[in-house]
């Protein structure tokens, strides 16, 4: 894995001081620093993680998860699963070259001055990126990555990578709770340096990764300490409308590759569109507002209008309150039964009845409704049991479907589909875009195949399940 150190480039402002000699530093570019302290590096590392979570990776996962449809250029090839190893070079680089490498350098600098809270935040960012890599590629380099003793770092087994992520998150929580720190609030992008919401996000990330490995008891325990209010959701901010400073979905869909993606025939569209024969609404559920927040027009298009999910300034969910609520719902059901799961699902529905994560622009008094369900709604013939499943299966199917719809535009829906695909009675049955199955992983990038002799052999194919999903 031959990835060079990436210097985080920041624009420096302010006047240059006088110098002893007129020509001193004449060849030094103040906009290309060769080094930076840990707080100065922080926004670059955070931005890299934002781009990783909401950029190409999210679009590819969404195209394979029934959230959108590729209509033009490269998107049509992704739609038809016609991808090659080089398609994944940039995403792999974001994980390793932009986030992991720089997070580790930043952590080392922060540790040298005993700024333990910044050390912990660096660990959280690294864990977020590496957890995503394990989700999508399976076995990945981690324990030997960027160690000069290992020019060809071995691939950690996917399960081992998840364990390493959990250990990293535990250390992150400890360090972010420390009283030893130097203020970095002006550099920090998400919460202005406030640690409590990051600590909650770390617990939700622990729960997410335990969920991926089906350790439902540990996932439930972690989620109980996770994000406990919508205001604490970890969201990627996009305050500008200029190219390069916008939501990556908007930049791709409205600027770089206009019209490449839409919702034509997408499975999620049918579930949310009140005019569809497969609409999931009922006397207690009105999905009109959520549908309009995500999609627009007769085709439909991905909604890039002001205030919509794909709008230039809309913050992108990295780890959210909604996700934590639904982890609680699924795990409490699996461990403690119907009543516990129903109570948790109704907690989520109560949140959505207030508008939830739907942009206020798309809410009216009558276009969204998520009244509490009762047990009878899940009996055969009940409003929440259209497939005549057992009550238990009907409830779990509703929870998984709710998770699926909550993750439109995100990576986690793709993870869920693969995790639950063997639970045929309850899984969200997203049809393949072509052929008989959806992809099971991202391909190892060509850059890695060419540069690391430790890459798995034979190289897994697109439809080879990652180890935890076999």
Protein backbone atom coordinates (compact mmCIF):
# COMPACT_ATOMS: atom_id res chain seq x y z
CA UNK A 1 0.00 0.00 0.00
CA UNK A 2 2.20 2.82 -1.30
CA UNK A 3 0.36 5.99 -0.38
CA UNK A 4 2.42 9.13 0.10
CA UNK A 5 1.90 11.48 3.03
CA UNK A 6 -0.72 14.04 2.14
CA UNK A 7 -0.02 17.57 3.33
CA UNK A 8 -3.25 19.21 4.43
CA UNK A 9 -3.30 22.49 2.54
CA UNK A 10 -4.90 25.42 4.30
CA UNK A 11 -5.16 28.98 3.07
CA UNK A 12 -3.25 31.24 5.39
CA UNK A 13 -4.52 34.75 6.00
CA UNK A 14 -2.98 37.82 7.53
CA UNK A 15 -0.04 39.97 6.63
CA UNK A 16 3.51 38.69 6.52
CA UNK A 17 5.83 40.20 9.09
CA UNK A 18 8.95 42.11 8.16
CA UNK A 19 12.08 40.09 7.57
CA UNK A 20 15.74 40.70 8.20
CA UNK A 21 16.67 40.35 4.57
CA UNK A 22 14.63 41.54 1.63
CA UNK A 23 14.94 38.17 -0.11
CA UNK A 24 14.52 35.94 2.92
CA UNK A 25 11.89 33.26 2.19
CA UNK A 26 11.35 34.48 -1.35
CA UNK A 27 10.95 30.88 -2.55
CA UNK A 28 8.62 29.83 0.27
CA UNK A 29 4.96 29.61 -0.64
CA UNK A 30 2.91 30.57 2.45
CA UNK A 31 -0.09 28.69 1.01
CA UNK A 32 1.84 25.41 0.84
CA UNK A 33 3.09 24.72 4.35
CA UNK A 34 5.43 21.76 4.77
CA UNK A 35 4.23 21.12 8.30
CA UNK A 36 1.41 22.09 10.64
CA UNK A 37 0.46 21.59 14.26
CA UNK A 38 -2.35 19.22 15.24
CA UNK A 39 -5.18 21.80 15.49
CA UNK A 40 -4.26 23.17 12.07
CA UNK A 41 -4.41 19.68 10.58
CA UNK A 42 -7.79 18.91 12.15
CA UNK A 43 -10.19 20.55 9.64
CA UNK A 44 -8.41 18.82 6.76
CA UNK A 45 -8.80 15.40 8.37
CA UNK A 46 -12.44 16.10 9.22
CA UNK A 47 -13.16 17.28 5.68
CA UNK A 48 -11.56 14.16 4.22
CA UNK A 49 -13.87 11.99 6.32
CA UNK A 50 -16.85 14.07 5.22
CA UNK A 51 -15.97 13.51 1.56
CA UNK A 52 -15.40 9.80 2.16
CA UNK A 53 -18.76 9.26 3.84
CA UNK A 54 -20.88 11.40 1.50
CA UNK A 55 -19.10 11.21 -1.85
CA UNK A 56 -18.42 8.46 -4.39
CA UNK A 57 -18.79 5.70 -1.80
CA UNK A 58 -22.28 6.84 -0.82
CA UNK A 59 -23.38 7.26 -4.44
CA UNK A 60 -22.20 3.81 -5.46
CA UNK A 61 -23.75 2.17 -2.39
CA UNK A 62 -27.00 4.05 -3.03
CA UNK A 63 -27.14 2.98 -6.67
CA UNK A 64 -26.79 -0.65 -5.56
CA UNK A 65 -29.32 -0.25 -2.73
CA UNK A 66 -32.37 0.93 -4.66
CA UNK A 67 -32.08 4.58 -3.59
CA UNK A 68 -31.28 5.98 -7.04
CA UNK A 69 -30.78 4.96 -10.65
CA UNK A 70 -27.79 5.64 -12.90
CA UNK A 71 -28.89 7.29 -16.14
CA UNK A 72 -25.83 8.93 -17.72
CA UNK A 73 -22.11 8.38 -18.23
CA UNK A 74 -20.29 6.41 -15.54
CA UNK A 75 -23.46 6.17 -13.44
CA UNK A 76 -25.01 3.83 -16.00
CA UNK A 77 -22.05 1.48 -15.67
CA UNK A 78 -22.31 1.49 -11.88
CA UNK A 79 -26.05 0.90 -12.23
CA UNK A 80 -25.35 -2.25 -14.27
CA UNK A 81 -22.54 -3.39 -11.95
CA UNK A 82 -19.96 -2.83 -14.70
CA UNK A 83 -17.16 -1.66 -12.44
CA UNK A 84 -13.42 -2.32 -12.51
CA UNK A 85 -10.76 -2.12 -9.85
CA UNK A 86 -9.56 1.37 -10.82
CA UNK A 87 -13.04 2.76 -10.10
CA UNK A 88 -12.23 2.40 -6.42
CA UNK A 89 -8.77 4.02 -6.32
CA UNK A 90 -10.04 7.39 -5.12
CA UNK A 91 -12.24 5.98 -2.36
CA UNK A 92 -9.40 3.80 -1.04
CA UNK A 93 -7.10 6.81 -1.09
CA UNK A 94 -9.59 8.84 0.94
CA UNK A 95 -9.61 6.15 3.62
CA UNK A 96 -5.87 5.62 3.81
CA UNK A 97 -4.11 8.64 2.35
CA UNK A 98 -6.47 11.41 3.43
CA UNK A 99 -8.02 10.21 6.70
CA UNK A 100 -5.96 7.41 8.26
CA UNK A 101 -2.45 8.70 7.50
CA UNK A 102 -3.17 12.28 8.49
CA UNK A 103 -5.25 11.34 11.53
CA UNK A 104 -2.32 9.33 12.87
CA UNK A 105 0.14 12.17 12.25
CA UNK A 106 -2.26 14.62 13.91
CA UNK A 107 -2.71 12.31 16.89
CA UNK A 108 1.03 12.01 17.36
CA UNK A 109 1.43 15.78 17.37
CA UNK A 110 -1.48 16.22 19.76
CA UNK A 111 -0.07 13.57 22.10
CA UNK A 112 3.31 15.30 22.17
CA UNK A 113 1.69 18.33 23.82
CA UNK A 114 -0.72 16.25 25.94
CA UNK A 115 -3.77 17.41 24.02
CA UNK A 116 -5.64 14.21 24.79
CA UNK A 117 -9.03 15.38 23.61
CA UNK A 118 -7.64 16.02 20.15
CA UNK A 119 -5.93 12.62 20.26
CA UNK A 120 -9.34 11.10 20.98
CA UNK A 121 -11.03 12.99 18.15
CA UNK A 122 -8.33 11.79 15.77
CA UNK A 123 -9.00 8.23 16.91
CA UNK A 124 -12.72 8.70 16.28
CA UNK A 125 -12.10 9.95 12.74
CA UNK A 126 -9.75 7.05 12.04
CA UNK A 127 -12.24 4.53 13.44
CA UNK A 128 -15.02 6.02 11.31
CA UNK A 129 -12.97 5.67 8.12
CA UNK A 130 -11.54 2.22 8.88
CA UNK A 131 -14.94 0.87 9.94
CA UNK A 132 -16.32 2.04 6.60
CA UNK A 133 -13.46 0.33 4.76
CA UNK A 134 -14.10 -2.95 6.62
CA UNK A 135 -17.80 -2.67 5.75
CA UNK A 136 -17.16 -2.28 2.04
CA UNK A 137 -14.02 -4.28 1.32
CA UNK A 138 -13.96 -6.92 4.06
CA UNK A 139 -10.34 -7.79 4.90
CA UNK A 140 -8.24 -4.62 4.92
CA UNK A 141 -4.76 -3.42 5.91
CA UNK A 142 -4.85 -1.86 9.36
CA UNK A 143 -2.45 -3.06 12.06
CA UNK A 144 0.56 -2.80 9.72
CA UNK A 145 -0.70 0.14 7.66
CA UNK A 146 1.76 3.05 7.35
CA UNK A 147 4.42 1.24 9.35
CA UNK A 148 7.80 1.52 7.63
CA UNK A 149 8.71 -1.95 8.89
CA UNK A 150 5.98 -3.35 6.64
CA UNK A 151 6.32 -2.15 3.04
CA UNK A 152 3.56 -4.62 2.07
CA UNK A 153 1.16 -4.44 5.04
CA UNK A 154 -0.87 -7.58 5.59
CA UNK A 155 -4.62 -7.59 5.41
CA UNK A 156 -6.39 -7.94 8.74
CA UNK A 157 -9.38 -10.29 8.64
CA UNK A 158 -12.63 -8.31 8.53
CA UNK A 159 -13.68 -9.52 11.99
CA UNK A 160 -10.28 -8.54 13.40
CA UNK A 161 -10.53 -5.11 11.78
CA UNK A 162 -13.89 -4.57 13.48
CA UNK A 163 -12.35 -5.56 16.82
CA UNK A 164 -9.52 -3.08 16.27
CA UNK A 165 -12.07 -0.38 15.49
CA UNK A 166 -13.87 -1.11 18.76
CA UNK A 167 -10.60 -0.85 20.69
CA UNK A 168 -9.80 2.41 18.95
CA UNK A 169 -13.24 3.79 19.82
CA UNK A 170 -12.83 2.78 23.47
CA UNK A 171 -9.56 4.69 23.60
CA UNK A 172 -11.16 7.59 21.77
CA UNK A 173 -13.92 7.86 24.37
CA UNK A 174 -11.39 7.81 27.20
CA UNK A 175 -9.24 10.50 25.60
CA UNK A 176 -12.14 12.74 24.59
CA UNK A 177 -13.28 12.61 28.23
CA UNK A 178 -9.87 13.80 29.47
CA UNK A 179 -9.30 17.12 31.19
CA UNK A 180 -5.93 17.40 29.43
CA UNK A 181 -6.29 19.45 26.28
CA UNK A 182 -5.39 22.63 24.48
CA UNK A 183 -8.35 24.46 23.00
CA UNK A 184 -9.01 23.68 19.33
CA UNK A 185 -12.58 24.95 19.14
CA UNK A 186 -11.90 27.44 16.34
CA UNK A 187 -10.46 24.72 14.09
CA UNK A 188 -13.01 21.99 14.77
CA UNK A 189 -15.66 21.75 12.05
CA UNK A 190 -18.61 19.88 13.57
CA UNK A 191 -19.21 20.84 17.21
CA UNK A 192 -16.71 23.67 17.80
CA UNK A 193 -14.59 21.37 19.93
CA UNK A 194 -17.35 20.24 22.28
CA UNK A 195 -16.68 16.66 23.31
CA UNK A 196 -20.04 15.32 24.65
CA UNK A 197 -21.68 14.92 21.20
CA UNK A 198 -18.51 13.31 19.83
CA UNK A 199 -18.47 10.87 22.73
CA UNK A 200 -22.09 9.96 22.02
CA UNK A 201 -21.23 9.53 18.32
CA UNK A 202 -18.39 7.19 19.28
CA UNK A 203 -20.83 5.00 21.21
CA UNK A 204 -23.24 4.96 18.27
CA UNK A 205 -20.36 3.98 15.99
CA UNK A 206 -19.55 1.16 18.39
CA UNK A 207 -23.18 0.07 18.18
CA UNK A 208 -23.11 0.27 14.37
CA UNK A 209 -20.04 -1.93 14.12
CA UNK A 210 -21.40 -4.46 16.62
CA UNK A 211 -24.57 -4.56 14.55
CA UNK A 212 -22.54 -5.35 11.44
CA UNK A 213 -21.04 -8.37 13.19
CA UNK A 214 -24.43 -9.36 14.68
CA UNK A 215 -23.28 -8.83 18.26
CA UNK A 216 -26.70 -7.48 19.13
CA UNK A 217 -26.20 -7.49 22.90
CA UNK A 218 -23.07 -5.34 22.64
CA UNK A 219 -24.73 -3.11 20.06
CA UNK A 220 -27.67 -2.48 22.39
CA UNK A 221 -25.39 -1.67 25.32
CA UNK A 222 -23.37 0.80 23.23
CA UNK A 223 -26.44 2.46 21.70
CA UNK A 224 -27.81 3.17 25.17
CA UNK A 225 -24.87 5.55 25.56
CA UNK A 226 -25.14 6.80 21.98
CA UNK A 227 -26.60 9.92 20.40
CA UNK A 228 -29.56 10.87 22.58
CA UNK A 229 -30.97 13.93 20.82
CA UNK A 230 -31.31 15.19 17.27
CA UNK A 231 -29.16 18.20 18.15
CA UNK A 232 -26.27 15.84 18.88
CA UNK A 233 -26.33 14.12 15.49
CA UNK A 234 -22.92 14.17 13.83
CA UNK A 235 -23.65 16.04 10.61
CA UNK A 236 -21.25 17.22 7.92
CA UNK A 237 -21.88 20.95 7.41
CA UNK A 238 -21.98 22.49 3.94
CA UNK A 239 -22.60 26.22 4.42
CA UNK A 240 -21.69 27.48 0.93
CA UNK A 241 -23.17 27.13 -2.54
CA UNK A 242 -19.93 27.45 -4.49
CA UNK A 243 -18.33 24.41 -6.13
CA UNK A 244 -16.07 22.57 -3.70
CA UNK A 245 -17.98 23.77 -0.64
CA UNK A 246 -21.29 22.06 -1.25
CA UNK A 247 -22.91 18.80 -0.27
CA UNK A 248 -21.11 16.17 -2.43
CA UNK A 249 -24.42 14.78 -3.68
CA UNK A 250 -25.40 18.22 -4.97
CA UNK A 251 -22.02 18.88 -6.51
CA UNK A 252 -22.22 15.62 -8.45
CA UNK A 253 -25.89 15.73 -9.34
CA UNK A 254 -26.36 19.43 -10.08
CA UNK A 255 -22.88 20.61 -11.13
CA UNK A 256 -20.36 17.97 -12.18
CA UNK A 257 -22.64 15.28 -13.65
CA UNK A 258 -26.04 16.91 -13.89
CA UNK A 259 -28.83 14.41 -14.36
CA UNK A 260 -26.59 11.35 -13.98
CA UNK A 261 -28.77 9.94 -11.22
CA UNK A 262 -32.50 9.97 -10.60
CA UNK A 263 -35.07 7.87 -8.78
CA UNK A 264 -36.64 6.18 -11.80
CA UNK A 265 -37.71 2.70 -10.77
CA UNK A 266 -35.78 2.92 -7.49
CA UNK A 267 -37.12 0.62 -4.78
CA UNK A 268 -37.12 3.32 -2.09
CA UNK A 269 -39.20 5.59 -4.32
CA UNK A 270 -41.97 3.01 -4.51
CA UNK A 271 -42.07 2.61 -0.74
CA UNK A 272 -42.26 6.35 -0.09
CA UNK A 273 -44.35 7.64 -2.99
CA UNK A 274 -48.04 7.87 -2.01
CA UNK A 275 -48.98 7.34 -5.67
CA UNK A 276 -47.10 4.04 -5.89
CA UNK A 277 -48.70 0.61 -5.67
CA UNK A 278 -45.94 -0.41 -3.24
CA UNK A 279 -46.43 2.60 -0.94
CA UNK A 280 -45.81 1.66 2.68
CA UNK A 281 -48.17 4.24 4.15
CA UNK A 282 -51.28 3.32 6.11
CA UNK A 283 -53.84 4.95 8.40
CA UNK A 284 -51.05 5.73 10.88
CA UNK A 285 -48.24 6.52 8.44
CA UNK A 286 -48.03 9.39 5.95
CA UNK A 287 -44.76 9.49 4.00
CA UNK A 288 -45.57 12.48 1.77
CA UNK A 289 -43.15 14.88 3.44
CA UNK A 290 -40.27 12.43 3.50
CA UNK A 291 -40.84 11.54 -0.15
CA UNK A 292 -40.83 15.21 -1.16
CA UNK A 293 -37.70 15.86 0.92
CA UNK A 294 -35.82 13.18 -1.04
CA UNK A 295 -37.38 13.14 -4.52
CA UNK A 296 -39.19 15.50 -6.87
CA UNK A 297 -41.04 15.50 -10.17
CA UNK A 298 -42.66 12.77 -12.20
CA UNK A 299 -39.47 10.84 -13.05
CA UNK A 300 -38.64 11.37 -10.12
CA UNK A 301 -35.39 13.32 -9.70
CA UNK A 302 -33.21 13.47 -6.64
CA UNK A 303 -34.43 16.63 -4.95
CA UNK A 304 -31.75 19.33 -5.07
CA UNK A 305 -34.14 22.19 -4.23
CA UNK A 306 -33.54 24.50 -1.28
CA UNK A 307 -33.89 22.58 1.97
CA UNK A 308 -34.07 19.14 0.35
CA UNK A 309 -31.77 16.25 1.27
CA UNK A 310 -29.63 16.67 -1.87
CA UNK A 311 -29.48 20.50 -1.70
CA UNK A 312 -26.08 22.19 -1.72
CA UNK A 313 -26.27 23.41 1.88
CA UNK A 314 -27.95 20.41 3.48
CA UNK A 315 -25.79 18.79 6.13
CA UNK A 316 -24.97 15.16 5.46
CA UNK A 317 -25.50 12.59 8.27
CA UNK A 318 -22.26 10.95 9.41
CA UNK A 319 -23.80 9.32 12.51
CA UNK A 320 -27.28 10.36 13.58
CA UNK A 321 -29.86 10.29 16.33
CA UNK A 322 -32.20 8.51 13.91
CA UNK A 323 -29.65 5.74 13.40
CA UNK A 324 -29.17 5.31 17.13
CA UNK A 325 -32.91 5.04 17.74
CA UNK A 326 -33.20 2.33 15.11
CA UNK A 327 -30.22 0.37 16.44
CA UNK A 328 -32.01 0.36 19.79
CA UNK A 329 -35.22 -0.81 18.12
CA UNK A 330 -33.67 -3.69 16.21
CA UNK A 331 -31.42 -4.92 18.99
CA UNK A 332 -34.00 -4.60 21.76
CA UNK A 333 -36.41 -6.64 19.65
CA UNK A 334 -33.87 -9.33 18.84
CA UNK A 335 -32.80 -9.66 22.47
CA UNK A 336 -35.90 -8.86 24.50
CA UNK A 337 -38.85 -9.57 22.27
CA UNK A 338 -41.88 -7.97 20.72
CA UNK A 339 -42.91 -5.48 23.43
CA UNK A 340 -39.40 -4.09 23.79
CA UNK A 341 -38.97 -3.71 20.03
CA UNK A 342 -42.38 -2.10 19.57
CA UNK A 343 -41.67 0.45 22.29
CA UNK A 344 -38.39 1.39 20.62
CA UNK A 345 -39.96 1.63 17.17
CA UNK A 346 -42.62 3.93 18.58
CA UNK A 347 -39.86 6.11 20.04
CA UNK A 348 -38.58 6.54 16.52
CA UNK A 349 -42.05 7.20 15.14
CA UNK A 350 -42.61 9.85 17.80
CA UNK A 351 -39.41 11.55 16.65
CA UNK A 352 -40.56 11.43 13.03
CA UNK A 353 -44.00 12.78 13.91
CA UNK A 354 -42.28 15.99 15.05
CA UNK A 355 -40.65 16.17 11.61
CA UNK A 356 -37.60 14.11 12.49
CA UNK A 357 -34.71 14.72 10.11
CA UNK A 358 -36.98 15.97 7.29
CA UNK A 359 -36.15 19.52 6.28
CA UNK A 360 -38.67 22.02 7.60
CA UNK A 361 -39.23 23.39 4.07
CA UNK A 362 -41.09 20.19 3.22
CA UNK A 363 -43.24 19.86 6.33
CA UNK A 364 -46.86 20.89 6.62
CA UNK A 365 -49.40 20.12 9.32
CA UNK A 366 -50.93 17.30 7.29
CA UNK A 367 -48.21 15.72 5.10
CA UNK A 368 -46.42 13.60 7.67
CA UNK A 369 -47.72 11.27 10.33
CA UNK A 370 -46.23 8.40 12.32
CA UNK A 371 -48.74 7.52 15.01
CA UNK A 372 -47.71 4.92 17.56
CA UNK A 373 -48.36 1.32 16.56
CA UNK A 374 -50.10 -1.17 18.83
CA UNK A 375 -49.53 -4.92 18.95
CA UNK A 376 -52.66 -5.67 16.91
CA UNK A 377 -51.26 -3.71 13.96
CA UNK A 378 -48.76 -6.54 13.45
CA UNK A 379 -51.25 -9.38 13.47
CA UNK A 380 -52.03 -11.03 10.13
CA UNK A 381 -54.17 -8.54 8.24
CA UNK A 382 -53.04 -5.64 10.45
CA UNK A 383 -51.99 -2.33 8.93
CA UNK A 384 -48.30 -3.07 9.61
CA UNK A 385 -48.43 -6.64 8.33
CA UNK A 386 -49.27 -6.62 4.63
CA UNK A 387 -47.45 -9.90 3.97
CA UNK A 388 -49.29 -11.98 6.60
CA UNK A 389 -46.10 -12.66 8.56
CA UNK A 390 -45.99 -13.71 12.17
CA UNK A 391 -46.30 -10.67 14.48
CA UNK A 392 -42.64 -10.97 15.44
CA UNK A 393 -41.49 -11.09 11.84
CA UNK A 394 -43.82 -8.27 10.87
CA UNK A 395 -42.34 -6.03 13.56
CA UNK A 396 -38.75 -6.83 12.61
CA UNK A 397 -39.57 -6.29 8.93
CA UNK A 398 -40.96 -2.85 9.80
CA UNK A 399 -37.86 -1.94 11.79
CA UNK A 400 -35.54 -3.02 8.97
CA UNK A 401 -37.65 -1.20 6.39
CA UNK A 402 -37.55 1.92 8.52
CA UNK A 403 -33.77 1.64 8.72
CA UNK A 404 -33.60 1.20 4.96
CA UNK A 405 -35.59 4.37 4.29
CA UNK A 406 -33.78 6.40 6.92
CA UNK A 407 -30.47 5.70 5.16
CA UNK A 408 -31.42 6.95 1.69
CA UNK A 409 -28.27 8.46 0.20
CA UNK A 410 -26.00 6.88 2.83
CA UNK A 411 -23.76 3.82 3.05
CA UNK A 412 -25.58 2.09 5.88
CA UNK A 413 -28.48 0.87 3.76
CA UNK A 414 -26.06 -1.18 1.63
CA UNK A 415 -24.59 -2.64 4.82
CA UNK A 416 -28.03 -3.61 6.12
CA UNK A 417 -29.12 -5.29 2.89
CA UNK A 418 -26.07 -7.56 2.93
CA UNK A 419 -26.25 -8.20 6.68
CA UNK A 420 -29.88 -9.35 6.63
CA UNK A 421 -30.06 -10.95 3.17
CA UNK A 422 -30.35 -14.47 4.61
CA UNK A 423 -33.35 -13.50 6.76
CA UNK A 424 -35.66 -13.84 3.81
CA UNK A 425 -38.92 -13.25 5.70
CA UNK A 426 -37.91 -9.86 7.08
CA UNK A 427 -35.12 -8.39 4.95
CA UNK A 428 -35.77 -5.47 2.63
CA UNK A 429 -35.96 -7.25 -0.71
CA UNK A 430 -34.26 -4.76 -2.98
CA UNK A 431 -34.26 -6.25 -6.49
CA UNK A 432 -30.95 -6.36 -8.39
CA UNK A 433 -30.51 -3.73 -11.08
CA UNK A 434 -29.46 -6.55 -13.39
CA UNK A 435 -28.92 -10.27 -13.00
CA UNK A 436 -29.92 -12.19 -9.91
CA UNK A 437 -28.02 -10.55 -7.04
CA UNK A 438 -26.71 -7.22 -5.83
CA UNK A 439 -22.98 -6.64 -5.37
CA UNK A 440 -21.55 -7.90 -2.09
CA UNK A 441 -18.51 -5.67 -1.79
CA UNK A 442 -16.37 -2.98 -3.35
CA UNK A 443 -13.45 -4.20 -5.45
CA UNK A 444 -9.93 -3.81 -4.14
CA UNK A 445 -8.55 -0.80 -6.06
CA UNK A 446 -6.07 -1.21 -8.87
CA UNK A 447 -3.62 1.01 -7.00
CA UNK A 448 -3.58 -1.51 -4.16
CA UNK A 449 -3.40 -4.56 -6.43
CA UNK A 450 -0.36 -3.01 -8.16
CA UNK A 451 1.33 -1.69 -5.02
CA UNK A 452 0.78 -4.20 -2.22
CA UNK A 453 1.84 -7.81 -2.68
CA UNK A 454 -0.24 -8.75 0.37
CA UNK A 455 -3.53 -8.12 -1.39
CA UNK A 456 -5.78 -11.21 -0.96
CA UNK A 457 -5.35 -13.95 -3.53
CA UNK A 458 -7.46 -14.82 -5.33
CA UNK A 459 -8.83 -11.30 -5.37
CA UNK A 460 -12.51 -11.46 -4.32
CA UNK A 461 -15.04 -10.72 -7.04
CA UNK A 462 -17.85 -8.18 -6.83
CA UNK A 463 -20.43 -10.82 -5.87
CA UNK A 464 -18.29 -12.57 -3.26
CA UNK A 465 -19.71 -11.81 0.17
CA UNK A 466 -17.39 -10.28 2.74
CA UNK A 467 -16.53 -12.73 5.55
CA UNK A 468 -19.05 -11.44 8.10
CA UNK A 469 -21.86 -11.80 5.55
CA UNK A 470 -21.02 -15.30 4.31
